[in-house]
Amino acid sequence: MVSDKNDIILEMKNITKTFPGVKALDNVNLKVKKGEIHSLCGENGAGKSTLMKVLSGIYPYGDYEGEILYNGKTCKYKGVKDSEHDGIVIIHQELALSPYLSIGENIFMGNEIAKHGVIDWNEVRIRTKELLAKVGLNEDPDTIVNTLGVGKQQLIEIAKALSKDVKLLILDEPTASLNEDDSENLLNLMLELKSNGITSILISHKLNEVSKVCDSITVLRDGATIETLDATVEKISEDRIVKGMVGRELTERYPKRVSKIGDVLFEVNNWNVYHPDYSERKVVDNVNIKVKKGEVLGIAGLMGAGRTELAMSIFGRSYGQKISGSIKKQGKEIHIKNVQDAIDNGIAYVTEDRKEAGLNLIDDIRHNISISSLGKISKYGVINDQIEILAAEDFRKSMKIKTPSITQITGNLSGGNQQKVVLSRWVYAEPDLLILDEPTRGIDVGAKYEIYTIINDLVNQGKAVIVISSELPEVLGLSDRIYVMNEGKIIGELDAKKANQEVIMSMIVASK
């Protein structure tokens, strides 16, 4: 069906964007209709976020080739303020909040509610409450942002976007940090915005969400437009989207593995952890877990269940205070006082927040991979550059990190490729236990499959892997055994082969 030109709110023509050594966008074309939810899909590094940064003026006019038409007029945005003036608001995958300011201050930063040059704090609180209610968040507007989890901060970002006179809302992986309930609320919010005439562009690797809410789907691959699918004519399946993204059928989401589970490798007994700032608030409550050689152990639970707090406290007490309990490795108690002790005892942890705590974004790929294994590449305190380079090159190839060179600054990589760098670091450290906290957040289906294969390879070597994921299909698809957490406690243990999403959610609900 050919659309009337008046139906088109946005048209991007022959957009080409080049970075040193890399053509990120190659004559990309995109048409978005007024009032629709339009999805951009593609593997990590396909150019989705780059295209939206061109649109919003982050990459200003003159920094790219091609033409942007918005409501039929040519746009030459020199910065974000220019695009926001036209009602184009972008919410990035990376959080852009000021951690030491309140929710209200963050939402109206740069868009202050003032009378005669004086901020009206009462009105700020009232408006903040209204906006938070729209995104399903019940928090005091005066709450300091850094006291909240990543998921709630993402919702605040969306509330901040809604505080502006938005006509075209761009959401880059908005649900990556959210659990299923919060993701559902956000999708319903997008549909509500659509009913109010607001157009949205959604970038998401959660293809079930794309299929659920999107009217049109444009697929990018290697910086080029592959196709645009009309979901209003017929339902577009996830497999159909995947085929466009990777250029082939992907018949299985989870690689098959024959489990060869051995003896107990690690066990945590009577583990208690209190909040780092509020000494009376217990966040991990008398937890007991065991993980065996050759086993993938899943930990399921809602946001705030205590999964990350448990993982970080085990990994060298890197979270919390008044930590008590014991850790045993192969039946013998080990004493872990800090992160180095954890690494020395064969424990590795891949954080859920790769940008804040997982990577040195201003350093190159090579150093980010080797930093936890300097003893393997040095002698008498001197690093052997040749060994380091060879190791980094091996991981660049085996992990399929899309980059022209291991000397590329890590902050310039796409989110999925950054995640592969973090994973490379810990695989290179050769741990006995690898704890993966949201390992595929913001990663496309092709890259997910590669990471799942790496997990299988590790357990096939007799190592143990703990997977924490807010995506229940992922926990079920990867795990041999699953612990379910709620409010800091282990509330159940399941054989993954006999478990399903309904069983897990019913356990959580019953424990409240």
Protein backbone atom coordinates (compact mmCIF):
# COMPACT_ATOMS: atom_id res chain seq x y z
CA MET A 1 0.00 0.00 0.00
CA VAL A 2 1.39 3.37 -1.04
CA SER A 3 1.05 6.05 1.63
CA ASP A 4 -0.10 9.59 1.00
CA LYS A 5 2.81 11.99 1.44
CA ASN A 6 0.80 13.75 4.15
CA ASP A 7 0.87 10.53 6.19
CA ILE A 8 4.66 10.64 6.41
CA ILE A 9 6.06 12.44 9.45
CA LEU A 10 9.69 11.49 8.79
CA GLU A 11 11.72 10.58 5.75
CA MET A 12 15.47 9.94 5.82
CA LYS A 13 17.02 9.71 2.36
CA ASN A 14 20.34 8.11 1.44
CA ILE A 15 21.90 8.69 4.86
CA THR A 16 25.61 7.85 4.90
CA LYS A 17 27.75 8.21 8.01
CA THR A 18 31.43 7.32 8.18
CA PHE A 19 33.73 6.95 11.18
CA PRO A 20 37.50 6.48 10.82
CA GLY A 21 37.88 3.15 9.08
CA VAL A 22 34.18 2.25 9.28
CA LYS A 23 31.14 3.13 7.16
CA ALA A 24 28.42 2.91 9.81
CA LEU A 25 25.55 3.89 7.49
CA ASP A 26 25.51 3.29 3.74
CA ASN A 27 22.69 5.06 1.88
CA VAL A 28 20.05 4.20 4.48
CA ASN A 29 16.44 5.11 3.74
CA LEU A 30 13.62 5.28 6.28
CA LYS A 31 9.97 6.40 6.11
CA VAL A 32 7.84 6.74 9.24
CA LYS A 33 4.08 7.40 9.17
CA LYS A 34 2.32 9.77 11.54
CA GLY A 35 0.90 8.12 14.64
CA GLU A 36 2.54 4.74 14.13
CA ILE A 37 5.01 2.73 16.16
CA HIS A 38 7.88 1.99 13.80
CA SER A 39 10.59 -0.45 14.79
CA LEU A 40 14.23 -0.43 13.73
CA CYS A 41 15.67 -3.94 13.91
CA GLY A 42 19.13 -5.27 13.19
CA GLU A 43 22.12 -6.95 14.73
CA ASN A 44 24.50 -5.03 16.98
CA GLY A 45 26.52 -2.68 14.81
CA ALA A 46 23.87 -2.63 12.07
CA GLY A 47 23.58 1.16 12.41
CA LYS A 48 20.26 1.60 14.25
CA SER A 49 21.48 3.88 17.04
CA THR A 50 23.76 5.77 14.64
CA LEU A 51 20.81 6.52 12.36
CA MET A 52 18.80 7.89 15.28
CA LYS A 53 21.75 10.02 16.43
CA VAL A 54 21.85 11.51 12.94
CA LEU A 55 18.13 12.24 13.16
CA SER A 56 18.29 13.88 16.59
CA GLY A 57 21.31 16.09 15.79
CA ILE A 58 23.81 14.29 18.00
CA TYR A 59 25.69 13.84 14.74
CA PRO A 60 24.99 17.34 13.37
CA TYR A 61 24.16 18.41 9.86
CA GLY A 62 27.31 18.38 7.76
CA ASP A 63 28.67 15.37 9.65
CA TYR A 64 26.78 12.95 7.38
CA GLU A 65 25.52 12.72 3.82
CA GLY A 66 21.86 12.54 2.83
CA GLU A 67 18.65 14.40 3.61
CA ILE A 68 16.16 14.44 6.49
CA LEU A 69 12.55 15.54 5.92
CA TYR A 70 10.36 16.09 8.98
CA ASN A 71 6.72 17.01 8.33
CA GLY A 72 7.77 17.66 4.75
CA LYS A 73 10.47 20.19 5.63
CA THR A 74 14.21 19.69 5.26
CA CYS A 75 15.98 19.51 8.63
CA LYS A 76 19.53 20.61 9.31
CA TYR A 77 19.83 19.98 13.03
CA LYS A 78 23.04 21.20 14.64
CA GLY A 79 22.27 19.60 18.00
CA VAL A 80 19.70 17.90 20.21
CA LYS A 81 18.10 21.20 21.19
CA ASP A 82 17.21 21.80 17.55
CA SER A 83 15.45 18.46 17.15
CA GLU A 84 13.69 18.76 20.52
CA HIS A 85 12.38 22.16 19.44
CA ASP A 86 10.59 20.31 16.62
CA GLY A 87 9.20 17.73 19.05
CA ILE A 88 11.73 14.94 18.34
CA VAL A 89 12.91 13.41 21.61
CA ILE A 90 15.38 10.55 21.88
CA ILE A 91 15.84 8.23 24.87
CA HIS A 92 19.21 6.53 24.67
CA GLN A 93 20.09 3.02 25.72
CA GLU A 94 22.70 4.52 28.05
CA LEU A 95 21.17 6.34 31.00
CA ALA A 96 21.75 10.11 30.92
CA LEU A 97 20.56 11.12 34.37
CA SER A 98 22.45 13.12 36.97
CA PRO A 99 22.88 10.58 39.80
CA TYR A 100 23.05 13.08 42.66
CA LEU A 101 19.93 15.06 41.76
CA SER A 102 16.32 14.19 42.56
CA ILE A 103 13.85 12.62 40.14
CA GLY A 104 12.07 15.95 39.70
CA GLU A 105 15.29 17.85 39.10
CA ASN A 106 16.35 15.31 36.47
CA ILE A 107 13.03 15.33 34.64
CA PHE A 108 12.93 19.10 34.27
CA MET A 109 16.65 19.76 33.86
CA GLY A 110 17.01 22.21 30.98
CA ASN A 111 13.25 22.52 30.86
CA GLU A 112 12.69 24.09 34.28
CA ILE A 113 9.29 25.17 35.58
CA ALA A 114 9.93 28.71 36.78
CA LYS A 115 8.12 31.95 37.58
CA HIS A 116 10.10 35.18 37.23
CA GLY A 117 13.33 33.17 37.10
CA VAL A 118 12.55 31.21 40.29
CA ILE A 119 11.85 27.46 40.09
CA ASP A 120 8.38 26.52 41.32
CA TRP A 121 9.28 23.40 43.30
CA ASN A 122 5.69 22.67 44.25
CA GLU A 123 4.69 22.56 40.59
CA VAL A 124 7.79 20.46 39.79
CA ARG A 125 6.66 17.85 42.33
CA ILE A 126 3.08 17.83 41.07
CA ARG A 127 4.13 17.47 37.42
CA THR A 128 6.75 14.85 38.31
CA LYS A 129 4.12 12.76 40.12
CA GLU A 130 1.86 12.93 37.07
CA LEU A 131 4.64 11.88 34.71
CA LEU A 132 5.82 9.05 36.95
CA ALA A 133 2.27 7.72 37.13
CA LYS A 134 2.21 7.59 33.32
CA VAL A 135 5.25 5.30 33.26
CA GLY A 136 3.98 3.19 36.16
CA LEU A 137 6.48 4.41 38.75
CA ASN A 138 5.41 5.26 42.29
CA GLU A 139 8.32 7.20 43.76
CA ASP A 140 8.72 10.42 45.72
CA PRO A 141 9.80 13.20 43.28
CA ASP A 142 12.50 14.21 45.81
CA THR A 143 14.16 10.77 45.70
CA ILE A 144 17.82 10.95 44.68
CA VAL A 145 18.29 9.04 41.41
CA ASN A 146 21.37 7.03 42.43
CA THR A 147 19.35 5.30 45.17
CA LEU A 148 17.20 3.64 42.51
CA GLY A 149 17.91 0.61 40.34
CA VAL A 150 18.71 0.70 36.63
CA GLY A 151 15.17 -0.26 35.65
CA LYS A 152 13.54 2.58 37.57
CA GLN A 153 16.09 5.03 36.19
CA GLN A 154 15.08 3.97 32.68
CA LEU A 155 11.47 4.79 33.49
CA ILE A 156 12.56 8.21 34.74
CA GLU A 157 14.28 8.79 31.38
CA ILE A 158 10.98 8.08 29.64
CA ALA A 159 9.09 10.40 32.02
CA LYS A 160 11.68 13.08 31.23
CA ALA A 161 10.99 12.69 27.51
CA LEU A 162 7.25 12.96 28.09
CA SER A 163 7.77 16.25 29.96
CA LYS A 164 8.63 17.85 26.63
CA ASP A 165 6.15 18.56 23.85
CA VAL A 166 7.03 15.33 22.09
CA LYS A 167 5.62 14.49 18.67
CA LEU A 168 8.17 11.87 17.58
CA LEU A 169 9.56 9.73 20.40
CA ILE A 170 12.66 7.62 19.74
CA LEU A 171 13.25 4.79 22.22
CA ASP A 172 16.59 2.98 22.00
CA GLU A 173 16.30 -0.33 23.88
CA PRO A 174 13.87 1.15 26.45
CA THR A 175 13.00 -2.19 28.05
CA ALA A 176 16.52 -3.63 28.16
CA SER A 177 16.77 -2.93 31.89
CA LEU A 178 13.17 -3.77 32.76
CA ASN A 179 11.52 -6.91 34.04
CA GLU A 180 8.50 -8.37 32.24
CA ASP A 181 5.87 -6.46 34.22
CA ASP A 182 7.61 -3.10 33.74
CA SER A 183 8.23 -3.88 30.08
CA GLU A 184 4.54 -4.64 29.65
CA ASN A 185 3.63 -1.33 31.26
CA LEU A 186 5.97 0.50 28.91
CA LEU A 187 4.54 -1.21 25.82
CA ASN A 188 1.04 -0.29 26.96
CA LEU A 189 2.26 3.27 27.46
CA MET A 190 3.56 3.35 23.89
CA LEU A 191 0.16 2.20 22.65
CA GLU A 192 -1.50 4.90 24.76
CA LEU A 193 0.84 7.53 23.29
CA LYS A 194 -0.03 6.23 19.82
CA SER A 195 -3.74 6.68 20.58
CA ASN A 196 -2.91 10.28 21.48
CA GLY A 197 -1.29 10.85 18.10
CA ILE A 198 2.36 10.54 19.14
CA THR A 199 4.65 8.72 16.71
CA SER A 200 7.31 6.39 18.11
CA ILE A 201 10.43 4.76 16.73
CA LEU A 202 11.39 1.70 18.75
CA ILE A 203 14.81 0.08 18.69
CA SER A 204 14.63 -3.26 20.49
CA HIS A 205 16.23 -6.67 20.41
CA LYS A 206 13.20 -8.12 22.18
CA LEU A 207 11.42 -9.22 19.03
CA ASN A 208 8.32 -10.37 20.89
CA GLU A 209 7.82 -6.73 21.89
CA VAL A 210 8.40 -5.57 18.32
CA SER A 211 5.80 -8.03 17.02
CA LYS A 212 3.34 -6.99 19.70
CA VAL A 213 3.22 -3.20 19.29
CA CYS A 214 4.82 -2.15 16.00
CA ASP A 215 2.95 -1.17 12.84
CA SER A 216 6.04 -1.14 10.61
CA ILE A 217 9.46 -2.75 10.92
CA THR A 218 12.57 -1.58 9.07
CA VAL A 219 15.48 -4.00 9.09
CA LEU A 220 19.08 -2.80 8.87
CA ARG A 221 22.07 -5.03 8.21
CA ASP A 222 25.71 -3.89 8.08
CA GLY A 223 24.69 -0.24 7.82
CA ALA A 224 22.25 -0.70 4.95
CA THR A 225 18.45 -0.85 4.64
CA ILE A 226 17.33 -4.41 3.91
CA GLU A 227 13.53 -4.11 3.95
CA THR A 228 10.50 -2.53 5.59
CA LEU A 229 7.71 -4.85 6.72
CA ASP A 230 4.09 -3.72 7.14
CA ALA A 231 2.68 -5.34 10.29
CA THR A 232 -0.77 -3.80 9.71
CA VAL A 233 -1.30 -6.02 6.66
CA GLU A 234 -0.21 -9.31 8.23
CA LYS A 235 1.34 -10.41 11.51
CA ILE A 236 5.15 -10.45 11.25
CA SER A 237 6.69 -13.38 13.12
CA GLU A 238 9.90 -13.14 15.14
CA ASP A 239 11.50 -15.70 12.80
CA ARG A 240 10.67 -13.51 9.81
CA ILE A 241 12.36 -10.50 11.45
CA VAL A 242 15.39 -12.61 12.39
CA LYS A 243 15.77 -13.79 8.80
CA GLY A 244 16.03 -10.19 7.63
CA MET A 245 18.46 -9.28 10.40
CA VAL A 246 20.95 -12.11 9.98
CA GLY A 247 20.31 -13.02 6.35
CA ARG A 248 19.40 -16.62 7.14
CA GLU A 249 16.93 -18.76 9.04
CA LEU A 250 17.75 -19.12 12.74
CA THR A 251 15.92 -22.31 13.60
CA GLU A 252 16.94 -22.58 17.26
CA ARG A 253 17.27 -19.72 19.77
CA TYR A 254 19.17 -21.86 22.29
CA PRO A 255 21.96 -24.18 21.14
CA LYS A 256 21.49 -27.76 22.21
CA ARG A 257 23.65 -29.14 25.01
CA VAL A 258 23.95 -32.56 26.59
CA SER A 259 24.35 -31.84 30.29
CA LYS A 260 27.23 -33.56 32.05
CA ILE A 261 26.77 -32.38 35.62
CA GLY A 262 29.37 -33.36 38.21
CA ASP A 263 29.96 -32.73 41.89
CA VAL A 264 29.19 -29.53 43.76
CA LEU A 265 31.79 -26.92 42.83
CA PHE A 266 30.66 -23.87 44.82
CA GLU A 267 28.18 -23.46 47.62
CA VAL A 268 27.02 -20.40 49.52
CA ASN A 269 25.57 -20.97 53.00
CA ASN A 270 23.48 -18.73 55.28
CA TRP A 271 24.39 -15.65 53.21
CA ASN A 272 23.10 -12.31 54.49
CA VAL A 273 23.74 -8.87 53.05
CA TYR A 274 22.58 -5.43 54.16
CA HIS A 275 22.12 -2.34 51.99
CA PRO A 276 25.37 -0.30 51.68
CA ASP A 277 23.64 2.94 52.76
CA TYR A 278 20.85 1.71 55.02
CA SER A 279 22.38 -0.62 57.57
CA GLU A 280 19.02 -1.95 58.84
CA ARG A 281 17.74 -2.94 55.40
CA LYS A 282 18.51 -6.57 54.59
CA VAL A 283 18.70 -7.18 50.83
CA VAL A 284 19.88 -10.82 50.85
CA ASP A 285 18.23 -12.94 53.53
CA ASN A 286 19.81 -16.23 54.64
CA VAL A 287 20.42 -17.52 51.11
CA ASN A 288 21.74 -21.04 50.47
CA ILE A 289 22.71 -22.08 46.96
CA LYS A 290 24.84 -24.77 45.31
CA VAL A 291 26.21 -24.94 41.78
CA LYS A 292 27.82 -28.03 40.28
CA LYS A 293 30.54 -28.66 37.75
CA GLY A 294 29.16 -28.60 34.23
CA GLU A 295 25.93 -26.93 35.34
CA VAL A 296 24.14 -23.78 34.22
CA LEU A 297 22.27 -22.49 37.25
CA GLY A 298 19.58 -19.90 36.59
CA ILE A 299 18.40 -17.33 39.11
CA ALA A 300 14.97 -15.89 38.29
CA GLY A 301 13.07 -13.11 40.01
CA LEU A 302 11.53 -9.69 39.58
CA MET A 303 13.44 -6.43 39.74
CA GLY A 304 14.49 -5.82 43.34
CA ALA A 305 14.42 -9.51 44.24
CA GLY A 306 18.07 -9.36 45.36
CA ARG A 307 19.67 -11.32 42.51
CA THR A 308 22.31 -8.71 41.59
CA GLU A 309 22.97 -7.93 45.27
CA LEU A 310 23.62 -11.64 45.88
CA ALA A 311 25.95 -11.97 42.89
CA MET A 312 27.97 -8.83 43.67
CA SER A 313 28.35 -9.69 47.35
CA ILE A 314 29.67 -13.14 46.45
CA PHE A 315 32.10 -11.53 44.01
CA GLY A 316 34.51 -10.10 46.54
CA ARG A 317 31.94 -8.33 48.70
CA SER A 318 31.58 -5.67 46.01
CA TYR A 319 28.11 -4.81 47.29
CA GLY A 320 26.62 -4.31 50.72
CA GLN A 321 27.68 -4.26 54.34
CA LYS A 322 27.43 -6.54 57.38
CA ILE A 323 27.87 -9.53 55.07
CA SER A 324 27.76 -12.90 56.84
CA GLY A 325 27.78 -16.52 55.76
CA SER A 326 30.27 -18.87 54.16
CA ILE A 327 31.44 -19.88 50.68
CA LYS A 328 32.86 -23.30 49.91
CA LYS A 329 34.74 -24.47 46.86
CA GLN A 330 34.83 -28.22 46.33
CA GLY A 331 33.81 -28.72 49.95
CA LYS A 332 36.43 -26.45 51.51
CA GLU A 333 35.61 -23.06 52.92
CA ILE A 334 37.28 -20.15 51.16
CA HIS A 335 37.60 -16.62 52.50
CA ILE A 336 36.88 -13.82 50.04
CA LYS A 337 37.43 -10.31 51.34
CA ASN A 338 37.71 -8.41 48.06
CA VAL A 339 37.44 -8.72 44.29
CA GLN A 340 41.02 -9.90 43.87
CA ASP A 341 40.36 -12.73 46.32
CA ALA A 342 37.31 -13.71 44.25
CA ILE A 343 39.33 -13.78 41.03
CA ASP A 344 42.14 -15.73 42.72
CA ASN A 345 39.54 -18.30 43.83
CA GLY A 346 38.22 -18.74 40.32
CA ILE A 347 35.10 -16.56 40.51
CA ALA A 348 34.24 -14.09 37.75
CA TYR A 349 31.29 -11.71 37.49
CA VAL A 350 29.90 -10.05 34.37
CA THR A 351 27.96 -7.01 35.58
CA GLU A 352 24.50 -6.03 34.33
CA ASP A 353 25.78 -2.46 33.80
CA ARG A 354 28.69 -2.83 31.40
CA LYS A 355 29.18 0.91 30.85
CA GLU A 356 29.23 1.95 34.49
CA ALA A 357 31.04 -0.98 36.09
CA GLY A 358 32.14 -3.40 33.38
CA LEU A 359 34.38 -1.48 31.01
CA ASN A 360 36.92 1.31 30.76
CA LEU A 361 35.19 3.09 27.90
CA ILE A 362 38.07 5.45 27.14
CA ASP A 363 40.58 2.58 26.77
CA ASP A 364 40.93 0.18 23.86
CA ILE A 365 39.57 -3.34 23.40
CA ARG A 366 42.96 -4.98 23.98
CA HIS A 367 43.43 -3.53 27.46
CA ASN A 368 39.83 -4.14 28.46
CA ILE A 369 40.20 -7.83 27.67
CA SER A 370 43.53 -8.32 29.44
CA ILE A 371 43.01 -6.21 32.57
CA SER A 372 41.83 -9.08 34.80
CA SER A 373 44.56 -11.47 33.62
CA LEU A 374 47.74 -9.43 33.75
CA GLY A 375 49.59 -12.31 35.39
CA LYS A 376 49.12 -14.35 32.20
CA ILE A 377 50.70 -11.73 29.96
CA SER A 378 53.50 -10.39 32.14
CA LYS A 379 56.79 -11.45 33.66
CA TYR A 380 58.55 -9.66 36.53
CA GLY A 381 55.87 -6.97 36.30
CA VAL A 382 56.47 -6.26 32.60
CA ILE A 383 53.59 -6.86 30.16
CA ASN A 384 54.40 -8.85 27.04
CA ASP A 385 52.63 -6.82 24.37
CA GLN A 386 52.82 -9.62 21.83
CA ILE A 387 50.95 -12.09 24.05
CA GLU A 388 48.37 -9.44 24.91
CA ILE A 389 47.80 -8.57 21.24
CA LEU A 390 47.48 -12.21 20.18
CA ALA A 391 45.00 -12.93 22.97
CA ALA A 392 42.87 -9.89 22.11
CA GLU A 393 42.92 -10.79 18.42
CA ASP A 394 41.82 -14.35 19.21
CA PHE A 395 38.84 -13.03 21.15
CA ARG A 396 38.01 -10.45 18.49
CA LYS A 397 37.63 -13.31 16.01
CA SER A 398 36.09 -15.98 18.23
CA MET A 399 33.57 -13.58 19.83
CA LYS A 400 32.89 -11.93 16.44
CA ILE A 401 33.46 -8.45 17.86
CA LYS A 402 32.67 -6.06 15.02
CA THR A 403 35.64 -3.71 14.96
CA PRO A 404 38.44 -2.97 12.50
CA SER A 405 41.09 -3.22 15.22
CA ILE A 406 41.69 -4.25 18.85
CA THR A 407 43.06 -0.72 19.35
CA GLN A 408 39.55 0.68 18.82
CA ILE A 409 38.29 2.66 21.83
CA THR A 410 35.71 0.47 23.59
CA GLY A 411 33.27 3.34 24.06
CA ASN A 412 32.92 3.58 20.26
CA LEU A 413 31.53 0.04 19.98
CA SER A 414 27.85 -0.85 19.87
CA GLY A 415 26.30 -2.15 23.10
CA GLY A 416 26.38 -5.78 21.99
CA ASN A 417 30.01 -5.62 20.97
CA GLN A 418 30.89 -3.99 24.29
CA GLN A 419 29.19 -6.93 26.02
CA LYS A 420 31.35 -9.33 24.02
CA VAL A 421 34.46 -7.47 25.23
CA VAL A 422 33.35 -7.85 28.88
CA LEU A 423 32.68 -11.53 28.35
CA SER A 424 36.04 -11.98 26.61
CA ARG A 425 37.82 -10.52 29.63
CA TRP A 426 36.33 -13.05 32.03
CA VAL A 427 36.61 -16.04 29.71
CA TYR A 428 40.31 -15.16 29.32
CA ALA A 429 40.63 -15.20 33.12
CA GLU A 430 39.63 -18.90 33.00
CA PRO A 431 37.30 -18.89 36.02
CA ASP A 432 35.80 -22.01 37.59
CA LEU A 433 32.55 -20.13 38.27
CA LEU A 434 31.27 -17.46 35.91
CA ILE A 435 28.35 -15.35 37.15
CA LEU A 436 26.50 -13.64 34.31
CA ASP A 437 24.16 -10.83 35.32
CA GLU A 438 21.77 -10.00 32.45
CA PRO A 439 24.38 -11.23 29.92
CA THR A 440 22.32 -10.51 26.80
CA ARG A 441 20.71 -7.19 27.75
CA GLY A 442 20.53 -5.01 24.64
CA ILE A 443 21.95 -7.71 22.39
CA ASP A 444 20.50 -9.02 19.13
CA VAL A 445 19.39 -12.61 18.56
CA GLY A 446 22.47 -13.54 16.54
CA ALA A 447 24.87 -12.29 19.21
CA LYS A 448 22.74 -13.92 21.91
CA TYR A 449 23.17 -17.27 20.22
CA GLU A 450 26.93 -16.77 20.15
CA ILE A 451 26.97 -15.99 23.88
CA TYR A 452 24.77 -19.01 24.62
CA THR A 453 27.27 -21.14 22.72
CA ILE A 454 30.12 -19.77 24.84
CA ILE A 455 28.15 -20.64 28.01
CA ASN A 456 27.70 -24.18 26.74
CA ASP A 457 31.41 -24.47 25.92
CA LEU A 458 32.34 -23.39 29.46
CA VAL A 459 30.10 -25.91 31.21
CA ASN A 460 31.23 -28.63 28.80
CA GLN A 461 34.73 -27.96 30.18
CA GLY A 462 33.42 -28.73 33.66
CA LYS A 463 33.08 -25.12 34.76
CA ALA A 464 29.95 -23.75 36.44
CA VAL A 465 27.86 -20.83 35.19
CA ILE A 466 25.23 -18.84 37.06
CA VAL A 467 22.84 -16.89 34.80
CA ILE A 468 20.73 -14.05 36.18
CA SER A 469 18.17 -12.84 33.67
CA SER A 470 14.92 -10.90 33.72
CA GLU A 471 13.90 -12.74 30.56
CA LEU A 472 12.26 -15.95 31.79
CA PRO A 473 12.50 -17.71 28.39
CA GLU A 474 16.28 -17.17 28.57
CA VAL A 475 16.55 -18.60 32.08
CA LEU A 476 14.45 -21.61 31.04
CA GLY A 477 16.28 -22.08 27.73
CA LEU A 478 19.79 -22.05 29.23
CA SER A 479 19.53 -23.54 32.70
CA ASP A 480 19.76 -27.03 34.10
CA ARG A 481 18.35 -25.91 37.45
CA ILE A 482 16.68 -22.68 38.60
CA TYR A 483 16.50 -20.86 41.90
CA VAL A 484 13.65 -18.37 42.26
CA MET A 485 14.27 -15.27 44.39
CA ASN A 486 11.91 -12.74 45.87
CA GLU A 487 12.55 -10.00 48.44
CA GLY A 488 16.07 -11.23 49.10
CA LYS A 489 15.14 -14.85 49.76
CA ILE A 490 15.32 -18.08 47.80
CA ILE A 491 11.67 -19.10 47.57
CA GLY A 492 12.03 -22.20 45.41
CA GLU A 493 14.21 -24.51 43.36
CA LEU A 494 13.15 -26.04 40.04
CA ASP A 495 14.40 -28.53 37.50
CA ALA A 496 14.52 -26.40 34.36
CA LYS A 497 13.14 -29.23 32.21
CA LYS A 498 9.96 -29.30 34.32
CA ALA A 499 9.62 -25.54 34.79
CA ASN A 500 7.80 -22.89 32.79
CA GLN A 501 7.10 -19.17 33.07
CA GLU A 502 3.74 -19.68 34.75
CA VAL A 503 5.24 -21.88 37.48
CA ILE A 504 7.98 -19.33 38.24
CA MET A 505 5.60 -16.37 38.34
CA SER A 506 3.10 -18.22 40.53
CA MET A 507 5.87 -18.98 43.02
CA ILE A 508 6.80 -15.30 43.16
CA VAL A 509 3.19 -14.19 43.61
CA ALA A 510 2.54 -16.83 46.29
CA SER A 511 5.60 -15.66 48.29
CA LYS A 512 4.43 -12.04 48.57
